[in-house]
Amino acid sequence: MIIVRTPTRASFCGGGSDLPVFYKKHGGAVLSAGLNRYVYLSIHPFFYRDRLICKYSKNELVDNPSELEHPIFRVLLEKFGLNGVEVVSTADVPAGTGLGSSSSFTVGLLHTLYAYTGKYVSAASLADEACRTEIDVLGEPIGKQDQYAAAFGGLNVYRFNKDGSVSVEPVIMSPEAMERMERNLLMFYTGDLRSASQILSEQGKNVVTDNDMEKAQLDICKMTDELHKELISDNIDALGGILHAGWEQKRKLASGITNPLINDAYDNALAAGASGGKLLGAGGGGFLLFYVPEHRHNAVKNALSHLTYMQFGFSRNGSTVIYVGDKPNRS
């Protein structure tokens, strides 16, 4: 058996600039952190050598990978030509909550299949192949940031170049500043599950057809460099104001990004002492993230007591093989 653990992510600045329609024209940049809320993939030889079973929110037992309903399982297991295996996916958070877990699944499954077939693959190669699988093969109208955050983990600036290449730059901070940044970030679940595809599709169209929205996306992208500069100077408290400015711009970009529940929760958090925040992911639901000075934590938690608080920290590593069992003799 092989088990692979892959982090989810929280994006602080630049979301949307990783969409091809934007970065091919302007270039893009996102600053994000891998989170210690993980997607786990395991693979093991199946008792029936001529069959295949995939277990996730449902179980699929098939004779051939092409028969699988789950599109990512189907595409990747066909690519690797595997049969006679059992593949299981579990996660710390459900899909559709804004933490990039769908792309974490893709990266983790690729890593698992490469490890099972005895091949080493770099973080950059995992991220690139996950992007091609989701965007080019499956036609998802999404960006590239989630796949790179899942593959690399840590706190990084990801730059999406006009030619389609991606550069990864670690954010270098003192350990004390990094720890304080983690402590001062609070996350709350709004209770809504949603697909990012529709919102991202609308957002992608808007930023190339509407000058005001294109300018808003450019401003969001520029905030990445501003935040990067502040963090490497250990000015952690700047994060709140930059998150707030980015959220004010982001919610202009598509009709489904926010709703009255999200707006009320956001306003209540600021009134209780948060200096800024944002909705993680494309929008419409999922997790709200706030920067809150430590002495205001209880006040903000009380103000949002109707939402589910989730404790988290940063994941220092990207997708990682965490267990390798003995290879069975199937002769």
Protein backbone atom coordinates (compact mmCIF):
# COMPACT_ATOMS: atom_id res chain seq x y z
CA MET A 1 0.00 0.00 0.00
CA ILE A 2 1.04 3.58 -0.70
CA ILE A 3 -0.54 6.61 1.01
CA VAL A 4 -0.09 10.19 -0.24
CA ARG A 5 -1.07 13.29 1.76
CA THR A 6 -1.73 16.54 -0.15
CA PRO A 7 -2.51 19.94 1.43
CA THR A 8 -5.41 22.21 0.63
CA ARG A 9 -4.73 25.97 0.41
CA ALA A 10 -5.74 29.47 1.47
CA SER A 11 -5.20 32.17 -1.16
CA PHE A 12 -4.50 35.63 0.27
CA CYS A 13 -4.02 37.79 -2.84
CA GLY A 14 -4.24 37.62 -6.61
CA GLY A 15 -7.04 35.10 -7.08
CA GLY A 16 -8.42 35.21 -10.62
CA SER A 17 -5.13 36.31 -12.16
CA ASP A 18 -4.33 32.59 -12.62
CA LEU A 19 -7.13 32.26 -15.19
CA PRO A 20 -5.70 31.80 -18.72
CA VAL A 21 -7.81 34.62 -20.22
CA PHE A 22 -6.13 37.03 -17.78
CA TYR A 23 -2.52 35.86 -17.42
CA LYS A 24 -2.02 35.36 -21.15
CA LYS A 25 -2.68 39.09 -21.54
CA HIS A 26 -1.26 40.59 -18.34
CA GLY A 27 0.57 37.87 -16.43
CA GLY A 28 -0.71 36.94 -12.99
CA ALA A 29 0.47 36.49 -9.41
CA VAL A 30 -1.08 34.78 -6.39
CA LEU A 31 0.20 34.60 -2.81
CA SER A 32 -1.11 31.56 -0.97
CA ALA A 33 -0.35 29.07 1.78
CA GLY A 34 -0.72 25.32 1.94
CA LEU A 35 -2.93 24.27 4.87
CA ASN A 36 -2.69 21.37 7.29
CA ARG A 37 -6.11 20.20 6.16
CA TYR A 38 -5.36 17.40 3.74
CA VAL A 39 -6.63 15.15 0.99
CA TYR A 40 -5.42 11.54 1.35
CA LEU A 41 -5.08 9.02 -1.48
CA SER A 42 -4.14 5.38 -0.98
CA ILE A 43 -3.58 2.58 -3.48
CA HIS A 44 -3.31 -1.16 -2.92
CA PRO A 45 -3.44 -4.27 -5.12
CA PHE A 46 -7.07 -5.40 -5.42
CA PHE A 47 -8.00 -9.01 -4.72
CA TYR A 48 -9.55 -9.29 -8.20
CA ARG A 49 -6.68 -8.63 -10.60
CA ASP A 50 -8.92 -8.00 -13.60
CA ARG A 51 -11.13 -5.44 -11.84
CA LEU A 52 -10.73 -1.99 -10.33
CA ILE A 53 -12.35 -0.29 -7.35
CA CYS A 54 -12.32 3.43 -6.52
CA LYS A 55 -13.71 4.63 -3.21
CA TYR A 56 -14.58 8.27 -2.54
CA SER A 57 -18.07 9.61 -1.65
CA LYS A 58 -19.27 6.52 -3.52
CA ASN A 59 -17.76 3.18 -4.48
CA GLU A 60 -17.15 2.27 -8.12
CA LEU A 61 -16.30 -1.33 -8.98
CA VAL A 62 -15.54 -1.70 -12.70
CA ASP A 63 -13.77 -3.97 -15.16
CA ASN A 64 -11.91 -1.16 -16.90
CA PRO A 65 -10.91 2.44 -16.00
CA SER A 66 -12.93 3.75 -18.97
CA GLU A 67 -16.11 2.68 -17.15
CA LEU A 68 -15.51 4.95 -14.15
CA GLU A 69 -17.97 7.80 -13.62
CA HIS A 70 -15.55 9.99 -11.65
CA PRO A 71 -13.84 12.02 -14.40
CA ILE A 72 -10.43 12.48 -12.76
CA PHE A 73 -10.19 8.85 -11.64
CA ARG A 74 -11.20 7.78 -15.14
CA VAL A 75 -8.77 10.00 -17.05
CA LEU A 76 -5.73 9.29 -14.87
CA LEU A 77 -6.26 5.56 -14.36
CA GLU A 78 -6.71 5.21 -18.12
CA LYS A 79 -3.50 7.20 -18.66
CA PHE A 80 -1.54 4.91 -16.34
CA GLY A 81 -3.23 1.78 -17.70
CA LEU A 82 -3.84 0.39 -14.24
CA ASN A 83 -6.22 -2.38 -13.32
CA GLY A 84 -6.35 -4.76 -10.37
CA VAL A 85 -5.97 -1.93 -7.85
CA GLU A 86 -8.04 -0.39 -5.07
CA VAL A 87 -7.79 3.41 -4.81
CA VAL A 88 -9.31 5.27 -1.86
CA SER A 89 -9.78 9.02 -1.36
CA THR A 90 -10.56 10.68 1.98
CA ALA A 91 -10.25 14.31 3.05
CA ASP A 92 -10.27 16.59 6.08
CA VAL A 93 -12.67 18.99 4.34
CA PRO A 94 -15.39 18.39 1.74
CA ALA A 95 -15.09 19.47 -1.88
CA GLY A 96 -16.60 22.81 -2.89
CA THR A 97 -15.60 24.70 0.25
CA GLY A 98 -13.07 27.08 -1.32
CA LEU A 99 -9.87 25.41 -0.12
CA GLY A 100 -8.86 23.95 -3.49
CA SER A 101 -9.51 20.35 -2.44
CA SER A 102 -10.52 19.27 -5.95
CA SER A 103 -7.09 20.15 -7.32
CA SER A 104 -5.46 18.68 -4.21
CA PHE A 105 -7.21 15.46 -5.16
CA THR A 106 -5.86 15.61 -8.71
CA VAL A 107 -2.30 16.32 -7.56
CA GLY A 108 -2.53 13.63 -4.88
CA LEU A 109 -3.88 11.02 -7.28
CA LEU A 110 -1.13 11.73 -9.80
CA HIS A 111 1.49 11.46 -7.05
CA THR A 112 -0.05 8.20 -5.84
CA LEU A 113 -0.08 6.63 -9.31
CA TYR A 114 3.49 7.69 -10.07
CA ALA A 115 4.68 6.30 -6.72
CA TYR A 116 2.82 3.02 -7.29
CA THR A 117 4.46 2.59 -10.69
CA GLY A 118 7.88 3.36 -9.21
CA LYS A 119 8.44 6.76 -10.84
CA TYR A 120 9.72 9.93 -9.17
CA VAL A 121 8.04 13.18 -10.22
CA SER A 122 8.86 16.73 -9.08
CA ALA A 123 6.39 19.15 -7.48
CA ALA A 124 6.49 21.34 -10.59
CA SER A 125 5.73 18.38 -12.86
CA LEU A 126 2.86 17.25 -10.61
CA ALA A 127 1.33 20.74 -10.67
CA ASP A 128 1.74 21.14 -14.42
CA GLU A 129 0.20 17.76 -15.21
CA ALA A 130 -2.68 18.38 -12.79
CA CYS A 131 -3.38 21.68 -14.60
CA ARG A 132 -3.35 19.98 -17.99
CA THR A 133 -5.66 17.24 -16.71
CA GLU A 134 -8.25 19.59 -15.25
CA ILE A 135 -8.07 22.49 -17.72
CA ASP A 136 -7.05 20.98 -21.06
CA VAL A 137 -8.38 17.41 -20.86
CA LEU A 138 -11.51 17.89 -18.74
CA GLY A 139 -12.22 21.45 -19.87
CA GLU A 140 -12.74 22.97 -16.43
CA PRO A 141 -12.85 26.83 -16.58
CA ILE A 142 -10.45 27.15 -13.65
CA GLY A 143 -7.02 28.60 -12.96
CA LYS A 144 -3.65 27.14 -11.97
CA GLN A 145 -3.11 28.33 -8.41
CA ASP A 146 -4.72 25.39 -6.58
CA GLN A 147 -2.64 22.73 -8.30
CA TYR A 148 0.63 24.54 -7.54
CA ALA A 149 -0.29 25.20 -3.91
CA ALA A 150 -1.15 21.52 -3.48
CA ALA A 151 2.09 20.32 -5.06
CA PHE A 152 4.44 22.77 -3.30
CA GLY A 153 2.78 23.57 0.05
CA GLY A 154 4.34 26.30 2.18
CA LEU A 155 3.84 30.04 1.72
CA ASN A 156 4.67 31.14 -1.81
CA VAL A 157 4.10 33.65 -4.57
CA TYR A 158 3.06 31.89 -7.78
CA ARG A 159 3.62 33.91 -10.95
CA PHE A 160 1.63 32.92 -14.02
CA ASN A 161 3.56 34.03 -17.06
CA LYS A 162 2.07 35.02 -20.42
CA ASP A 163 3.63 31.96 -22.09
CA GLY A 164 1.84 29.63 -19.67
CA SER A 165 4.87 28.86 -17.49
CA VAL A 166 4.68 29.26 -13.72
CA SER A 167 7.37 30.57 -11.35
CA VAL A 168 7.36 29.72 -7.64
CA GLU A 169 8.93 32.11 -5.12
CA PRO A 170 8.91 31.22 -1.39
CA VAL A 171 7.91 34.01 1.01
CA ILE A 172 10.80 34.30 3.45
CA MET A 173 9.76 35.45 6.93
CA SER A 174 11.12 35.07 10.44
CA PRO A 175 9.72 32.02 12.29
CA GLU A 176 8.20 34.34 14.90
CA ALA A 177 6.34 36.38 12.25
CA MET A 178 5.12 33.23 10.51
CA GLU A 179 3.77 31.83 13.79
CA ARG A 180 1.99 35.11 14.60
CA MET A 181 0.48 35.19 11.13
CA GLU A 182 -0.92 31.68 11.63
CA ARG A 183 -2.30 32.56 15.06
CA ASN A 184 -4.06 35.68 13.79
CA LEU A 185 -5.92 33.97 10.96
CA LEU A 186 -9.39 32.67 11.81
CA MET A 187 -11.54 30.61 9.47
CA PHE A 188 -15.31 30.04 9.51
CA TYR A 189 -17.44 27.75 7.36
CA THR A 190 -20.56 29.36 5.88
CA GLY A 191 -22.22 25.99 5.36
CA ASP A 192 -22.61 26.27 1.60
CA LEU A 193 -21.11 23.81 -0.87
CA ARG A 194 -20.78 25.03 -4.46
CA SER A 195 -19.02 24.45 -7.76
CA ALA A 196 -16.47 27.09 -8.70
CA SER A 197 -16.84 26.49 -12.43
CA GLN A 198 -19.83 28.73 -13.12
CA ILE A 199 -18.48 31.68 -11.13
CA LEU A 200 -14.99 31.39 -12.63
CA SER A 201 -16.42 31.10 -16.13
CA GLU A 202 -18.38 34.35 -15.64
CA GLN A 203 -15.42 36.05 -13.99
CA GLY A 204 -13.11 35.06 -16.85
CA LYS A 205 -15.48 36.57 -19.40
CA ASN A 206 -15.99 39.75 -17.37
CA VAL A 207 -12.30 40.61 -16.97
CA VAL A 208 -11.74 40.56 -20.73
CA THR A 209 -14.97 42.31 -21.81
CA ASP A 210 -15.52 44.92 -19.09
CA ASN A 211 -12.84 47.58 -18.58
CA ASP A 212 -13.83 48.29 -14.97
CA MET A 213 -13.69 44.62 -14.04
CA GLU A 214 -10.39 44.18 -15.85
CA LYS A 215 -8.99 47.08 -13.81
CA ALA A 216 -10.33 45.51 -10.60
CA GLN A 217 -8.57 42.24 -11.45
CA LEU A 218 -5.34 44.13 -12.21
CA ASP A 219 -5.59 45.85 -8.82
CA ILE A 220 -6.07 42.49 -7.10
CA CYS A 221 -3.00 41.15 -8.89
CA LYS A 222 -0.89 44.16 -7.84
CA MET A 223 -1.83 43.53 -4.20
CA THR A 224 0.16 40.30 -4.35
CA ASP A 225 3.43 42.20 -4.69
CA GLU A 226 2.35 44.68 -2.02
CA LEU A 227 1.58 41.89 0.45
CA HIS A 228 4.76 40.02 -0.45
CA LYS A 229 6.81 43.13 0.34
CA GLU A 230 5.10 43.55 3.72
CA LEU A 231 5.44 39.90 4.74
CA ILE A 232 9.16 39.62 3.98
CA SER A 233 9.55 42.69 6.22
CA ASP A 234 7.64 40.79 8.95
CA ASN A 235 4.89 43.41 8.86
CA ILE A 236 2.17 40.83 9.49
CA ASP A 237 -0.51 43.33 10.53
CA ALA A 238 -0.60 44.69 6.96
CA LEU A 239 -2.34 41.47 5.95
CA GLY A 240 -5.73 42.54 7.31
CA GLY A 241 -5.97 45.74 5.29
CA ILE A 242 -4.77 44.08 2.08
CA LEU A 243 -7.24 41.22 2.49
CA HIS A 244 -10.05 43.73 2.93
CA ALA A 245 -9.03 45.76 -0.13
CA GLY A 246 -8.81 42.59 -2.20
CA TRP A 247 -12.24 41.40 -1.06
CA GLU A 248 -13.80 44.76 -1.95
CA GLN A 249 -12.44 44.37 -5.48
CA LYS A 250 -13.13 40.64 -5.85
CA ARG A 251 -16.83 40.83 -5.15
CA LYS A 252 -17.26 43.13 -8.15
CA LEU A 253 -16.04 40.50 -10.61
CA ALA A 254 -19.02 38.11 -10.91
CA SER A 255 -22.61 37.98 -9.76
CA GLY A 256 -22.35 34.84 -7.60
CA ILE A 257 -19.24 35.71 -5.59
CA THR A 258 -21.09 36.90 -2.50
CA ASN A 259 -24.58 36.88 -0.96
CA PRO A 260 -26.38 38.47 2.03
CA LEU A 261 -25.28 35.75 4.48
CA ILE A 262 -21.62 36.20 3.53
CA ASN A 263 -21.87 40.00 3.60
CA ASP A 264 -23.52 40.03 7.05
CA ALA A 265 -20.92 37.63 8.48
CA TYR A 266 -18.12 39.72 7.02
CA ASP A 267 -19.50 42.98 8.42
CA ASN A 268 -20.07 41.40 11.85
CA ALA A 269 -16.49 40.13 11.96
CA LEU A 270 -15.08 43.59 11.15
CA ALA A 271 -17.32 45.19 13.78
CA ALA A 272 -15.99 42.69 16.34
CA GLY A 273 -12.35 43.48 15.61
CA ALA A 274 -11.18 41.73 12.45
CA SER A 275 -9.04 44.08 10.36
CA GLY A 276 -9.90 42.35 7.08
CA GLY A 277 -10.81 39.12 5.42
CA LYS A 278 -12.09 37.38 2.32
CA LEU A 279 -14.11 34.46 1.08
CA LEU A 280 -11.79 31.65 0.02
CA GLY A 281 -12.17 30.14 -3.42
CA ALA A 282 -14.25 31.38 -6.33
CA GLY A 283 -17.12 32.60 -4.17
CA GLY A 284 -20.73 31.82 -3.37
CA GLY A 285 -19.98 29.80 -0.24
CA GLY A 286 -17.30 27.89 1.61
CA PHE A 287 -14.89 29.36 4.16
CA LEU A 288 -14.48 32.95 5.29
CA LEU A 289 -10.93 33.84 6.36
CA PHE A 290 -10.17 36.81 8.66
CA TYR A 291 -7.06 38.46 10.02
CA VAL A 292 -7.80 39.20 13.68
CA PRO A 293 -5.44 40.66 16.31
CA GLU A 294 -5.10 38.09 19.08
CA HIS A 295 -6.90 40.14 21.73
CA ARG A 296 -10.02 40.25 19.50
CA HIS A 297 -10.25 36.52 18.75
CA ASN A 298 -13.01 35.76 21.25
CA ALA A 299 -15.08 38.74 20.16
CA VAL A 300 -14.96 37.66 16.50
CA LYS A 301 -15.74 34.03 17.36
CA ASN A 302 -18.75 35.18 19.39
CA ALA A 303 -19.94 37.44 16.57
CA LEU A 304 -19.82 34.49 14.16
CA SER A 305 -21.04 31.81 16.57
CA HIS A 306 -23.71 30.78 14.02
CA LEU A 307 -20.91 29.63 11.69
CA THR A 308 -18.55 26.68 12.17
CA TYR A 309 -15.07 27.71 13.30
CA MET A 310 -12.22 25.59 11.94
CA GLN A 311 -8.79 25.65 13.50
CA PHE A 312 -5.92 25.27 11.02
CA GLY A 313 -2.26 25.95 10.42
CA PHE A 314 0.11 26.10 7.47
CA SER A 315 1.47 22.99 5.81
CA ARG A 316 5.20 23.37 5.28
CA ASN A 317 5.28 20.59 2.68
CA GLY A 318 3.38 19.91 -0.51
CA SER A 319 2.06 16.55 -1.70
CA THR A 320 4.01 13.86 0.18
CA VAL A 321 4.21 10.07 0.24
CA ILE A 322 3.65 9.33 3.94
CA TYR A 323 3.48 5.52 3.87
CA VAL A 324 4.90 2.74 1.72
CA GLY A 325 4.04 -0.83 2.70
CA ASP A 326 5.68 -4.03 1.56
CA LYS A 327 5.20 -4.78 -2.10
CA PRO A 328 3.03 -7.92 -2.35
CA ASN A 329 4.16 -10.91 -4.37
CA ARG A 330 1.43 -11.50 -6.95
CA SER A 331 3.14 -14.23 -8.92
